[in-house]
N, C-alpha and C. Protein backbone atom coordinates (compact mmCIF):
# COMPACT_ATOMS: atom_id res chain seq x y z
N MET A 1 0.25 -0.92 -0.18
CA MET A 1 0.44 -0.40 0.04
C MET A 1 0.80 1.23 0.27
N GLU A 2 0.40 1.88 -1.41
CA GLU A 2 1.50 2.62 -0.98
C GLU A 2 1.61 4.30 -0.48
N ARG A 3 2.57 5.14 0.93
CA ARG A 3 1.96 6.06 1.79
C ARG A 3 2.80 7.05 0.87
N ASP A 4 2.15 8.84 1.26
CA ASP A 4 3.08 9.63 0.56
C ASP A 4 3.24 10.85 2.08
N ASP A 5 3.00 11.75 2.19
CA ASP A 5 2.99 13.12 3.13
C ASP A 5 1.49 12.94 4.35
N LEU A 6 0.44 12.42 3.46
CA LEU A 6 -0.61 13.02 3.40
C LEU A 6 -1.16 11.78 4.23
N GLY A 7 -0.53 10.46 4.03
CA GLY A 7 -1.40 8.99 4.51
C GLY A 7 -1.36 8.32 3.39
N ILE A 8 -2.35 7.46 3.48
CA ILE A 8 -2.77 6.08 2.79
C ILE A 8 -3.27 6.61 1.40
N CYS A 9 -2.64 6.37 -0.25
CA CYS A 9 -3.30 6.69 -1.07
C CYS A 9 -4.06 6.10 -1.57
N LEU A 10 -5.22 6.12 -1.08
CA LEU A 10 -6.59 6.20 -1.54
C LEU A 10 -7.26 5.75 -2.84
N ASN A 11 -7.01 4.84 -3.74
CA ASN A 11 -7.18 4.37 -4.91
C ASN A 11 -8.67 3.71 -5.53
N LYS A 12 -9.45 3.70 -6.28
CA LYS A 12 -10.23 3.55 -7.06
C LYS A 12 -9.78 2.25 -7.37
N GLU A 13 -8.50 1.61 -7.38
CA GLU A 13 -7.93 0.77 -8.36
C GLU A 13 -8.36 -0.49 -6.34
N MET A 14 -6.98 -0.37 -5.29
CA MET A 14 -7.32 -0.29 -4.97
C MET A 14 -8.29 -0.50 -3.78
N LEU A 15 -8.92 -0.15 -3.60
CA LEU A 15 -10.45 -0.19 -2.59
C LEU A 15 -11.30 -0.93 -3.29
N SER A 16 -11.80 -1.16 -4.79
CA SER A 16 -11.42 -2.66 -5.35
C SER A 16 -11.38 -3.79 -4.43
N ASN A 17 -10.47 -4.27 -4.26
CA ASN A 17 -9.67 -5.39 -3.33
C ASN A 17 -9.91 -4.96 -1.66
N GLN A 18 -10.11 -4.03 -1.81
CA GLN A 18 -10.20 -3.98 -0.06
C GLN A 18 -11.97 -3.63 0.06
N LEU A 19 -12.29 -4.05 -0.65
CA LEU A 19 -13.62 -3.23 -0.21
C LEU A 19 -14.83 -3.97 1.55
N CYS A 20 -14.45 -5.03 1.86
CA CYS A 20 -14.71 -5.73 3.47
C CYS A 20 -13.19 -4.45 5.04
N SER A 21 -13.09 -4.31 4.15
CA SER A 21 -10.90 -3.59 4.71
C SER A 21 -11.96 -2.58 5.98
N THR A 22 -11.41 -1.65 7.02
CA THR A 22 -11.53 0.00 6.98
C THR A 22 -10.54 -0.03 7.16
N PHE A 23 -10.63 1.54 7.09
CA PHE A 23 -9.87 2.75 7.04
C PHE A 23 -10.26 3.61 7.75
N THR A 24 -9.63 4.58 8.67
CA THR A 24 -9.86 5.21 9.63
C THR A 24 -8.89 6.52 9.30
N HIS A 25 -9.49 7.77 9.83
CA HIS A 25 -9.26 8.74 9.68
C HIS A 25 -8.63 9.43 8.03
N VAL A 26 -9.63 9.52 7.46
CA VAL A 26 -10.42 9.25 6.28
C VAL A 26 -10.60 10.80 5.25
N ARG A 27 -9.35 11.34 4.89
CA ARG A 27 -10.17 12.52 4.15
C ARG A 27 -9.44 13.01 2.80
N ALA A 28 -10.65 14.13 2.39
CA ALA A 28 -10.49 13.91 1.02
C ALA A 28 -10.13 15.54 0.71
N TYR A 29 -9.17 15.40 -0.37
CA TYR A 29 -8.34 17.23 -0.77
C TYR A 29 -8.84 17.62 -1.43
N GLU A 30 -8.94 18.59 -1.65
CA GLU A 30 -8.82 19.39 -3.45
C GLU A 30 -7.65 18.63 -3.72
N ASP A 31 -8.00 18.51 -5.58
CA ASP A 31 -7.03 18.22 -5.99
C ASP A 31 -6.24 19.49 -7.04
N THR A 32 -5.21 20.26 -6.09
CA THR A 32 -4.78 20.86 -6.82
C THR A 32 -2.84 21.04 -7.05
N ASP A 33 -2.52 21.88 -7.68
CA ASP A 33 -1.20 21.59 -8.37
C ASP A 33 -0.42 22.87 -7.20
N THR A 34 -0.93 22.99 -6.07
CA THR A 34 0.01 23.18 -4.85
C THR A 34 0.41 22.43 -4.27
N CYS A 35 1.61 23.29 -3.21
CA CYS A 35 2.12 22.27 -2.67
C CYS A 35 1.05 21.36 -1.17
N VAL A 36 1.89 20.45 -0.89
CA VAL A 36 0.98 19.85 -0.16
C VAL A 36 0.82 20.51 1.75
N ASP A 37 0.63 21.60 2.01
CA ASP A 37 1.08 21.89 3.05
C ASP A 37 -0.12 22.80 2.83
N GLU A 38 -0.18 23.77 1.36
CA GLU A 38 -1.41 24.37 1.22
C GLU A 38 -2.86 23.29 0.30
N MET A 39 -3.36 22.40 0.58
CA MET A 39 -4.62 21.86 0.41
C MET A 39 -5.62 21.81 1.00
N LEU A 40 -6.40 21.40 0.76
CA LEU A 40 -8.00 22.33 1.49
C LEU A 40 -8.09 21.00 1.71
N VAL A 41 -9.00 20.98 3.10
CA VAL A 41 -9.55 19.44 3.58
C VAL A 41 -10.98 19.75 3.40
N MET A 42 -11.91 18.87 1.63
CA MET A 42 -12.81 19.01 1.99
C MET A 42 -13.98 17.39 2.60
N PHE A 43 -13.05 17.04 2.83
CA PHE A 43 -14.07 16.07 3.59
C PHE A 43 -13.24 14.78 4.59
N SER A 44 -13.97 14.82 5.54
CA SER A 44 -12.73 14.04 6.96
C SER A 44 -14.00 13.14 6.98
N PHE A 45 -13.38 11.79 7.94
CA PHE A 45 -14.08 10.60 8.37
C PHE A 45 -13.85 9.95 8.96
N PRO A 46 -14.22 10.08 9.98
CA PRO A 46 -13.17 8.91 10.96
C PRO A 46 -13.18 7.91 11.05
N GLN A 47 -14.22 6.65 9.98
CA GLN A 47 -13.37 5.42 10.12
C GLN A 47 -14.54 5.27 8.52
N MET A 48 -14.18 4.64 7.56
CA MET A 48 -15.11 4.28 6.64
C MET A 48 -14.59 2.51 5.93
N SER A 49 -15.40 1.89 5.87
CA SER A 49 -15.07 0.49 4.94
C SER A 49 -14.23 0.99 3.27
N GLY A 50 -13.92 -0.48 3.20
CA GLY A 50 -13.39 0.41 1.84
C GLY A 50 -14.23 0.32 0.68
N GLN A 51 -15.54 -0.55 1.26
CA GLN A 51 -16.68 0.04 -0.39
C GLN A 51 -17.37 1.06 0.15
N GLU A 52 -17.68 1.68 1.46
CA GLU A 52 -18.08 3.14 1.63
C GLU A 52 -17.54 4.07 1.35
N LEU A 53 -16.17 3.64 1.47
CA LEU A 53 -14.95 4.74 0.78
C LEU A 53 -15.11 4.52 -1.45
N LEU A 54 -15.15 3.47 -1.46
CA LEU A 54 -15.31 3.23 -2.64
C LEU A 54 -16.88 4.38 -3.59
N ASN A 55 -17.94 3.84 -3.06
CA ASN A 55 -19.01 4.93 -3.11
C ASN A 55 -19.00 6.04 -3.28
N THR A 56 -18.30 6.76 -2.24
CA THR A 56 -18.07 7.55 -2.00
C THR A 56 -17.42 8.62 -3.52
N MET A 57 -16.38 8.24 -3.43
CA MET A 57 -14.87 8.32 -4.17
C MET A 57 -16.38 8.27 -6.07
N LYS A 58 -17.06 7.15 -5.92
CA LYS A 58 -17.45 7.99 -7.51
C LYS A 58 -18.80 8.83 -7.44
N SER A 59 -18.78 9.82 -6.57
CA SER A 59 -20.24 10.23 -6.15
C SER A 59 -19.58 12.24 -5.89
N THR A 60 -17.91 11.84 -6.69
CA THR A 60 -17.67 13.31 -5.91
C THR A 60 -16.91 13.43 -7.38
N LYS A 61 -16.49 14.76 -7.11
CA LYS A 61 -15.52 15.66 -7.65
C LYS A 61 -14.40 14.77 -8.06
N LYS A 62 -13.18 15.02 -8.19
CA LYS A 62 -11.74 14.46 -8.38
C LYS A 62 -11.27 15.75 -7.10
N LEU A 63 -11.44 14.40 -6.65
CA LEU A 63 -10.86 13.94 -5.15
C LEU A 63 -9.28 13.60 -4.98
N VAL A 64 -8.62 14.33 -3.63
CA VAL A 64 -7.42 13.32 -3.18
C VAL A 64 -7.72 12.41 -1.72
N TRP A 65 -7.45 11.42 -1.73
CA TRP A 65 -8.28 11.01 -0.39
C TRP A 65 -7.43 9.88 0.55
N ARG A 66 -7.63 10.35 1.22
CA ARG A 66 -5.90 9.69 2.06
C ARG A 66 -6.78 9.35 3.93
N ALA A 67 -5.94 8.43 3.90
CA ALA A 67 -6.29 7.37 5.36
C ALA A 67 -5.38 7.74 6.07
N ASP A 68 -5.46 7.50 7.25
CA ASP A 68 -3.99 7.18 8.50
C ASP A 68 -3.60 5.91 9.02
N TYR A 69 -4.69 4.79 9.11
CA TYR A 69 -4.59 4.04 9.18
C TYR A 69 -5.44 2.84 8.21
N PHE A 70 -5.19 1.69 7.76
CA PHE A 70 -5.80 0.02 6.96
C PHE A 70 -6.06 -0.68 8.01
N CYS A 71 -7.15 -1.86 8.54
CA CYS A 71 -7.44 -2.16 9.25
C CYS A 71 -7.68 -3.49 8.12
N PRO A 72 -7.28 -4.51 7.82
CA PRO A 72 -7.72 -5.51 7.07
C PRO A 72 -8.86 -6.17 7.76
N SER A 73 -9.20 -6.80 6.21
CA SER A 73 -10.37 -7.90 6.04
C SER A 73 -9.77 -8.92 6.57
N ASP A 74 -10.86 -9.94 7.72
CA ASP A 74 -10.35 -11.12 7.82
C ASP A 74 -11.14 -12.12 6.00
N TYR A 75 -11.41 -11.44 5.73
CA TYR A 75 -12.46 -12.45 4.42
C TYR A 75 -12.25 -11.35 3.24
N HIS A 76 -11.89 -12.64 2.29
CA HIS A 76 -11.54 -12.45 1.63
C HIS A 76 -12.40 -13.01 -0.17
N PHE A 77 -12.48 -12.10 -1.00
CA PHE A 77 -13.14 -12.66 -2.09
C PHE A 77 -12.75 -13.98 -3.06
C-alpha cells in the first residue's frame, strides 16, 4: 500500500480489492497543483469501509483521498 506525506493513498483500484477492510482518519483533499501544505481538506471521516469509500469517491468530484490507518478484513473474495 502506497503512502505519502498525507497518508495512505486511496484509489478506486486499490479499494476494489479491499471492500470489507476498514480505513480510519479518512480525508479528501482538493486536487490542486499547490504544495501539500496548502491542500484544502474537503471531507473528513473518522472511519469508512472500502466499499463506503469507493461509493463516496464515485459520487464526488476529483479529490485526493488519504487515510491514516488500514485494518484489513479477514474475509477474502
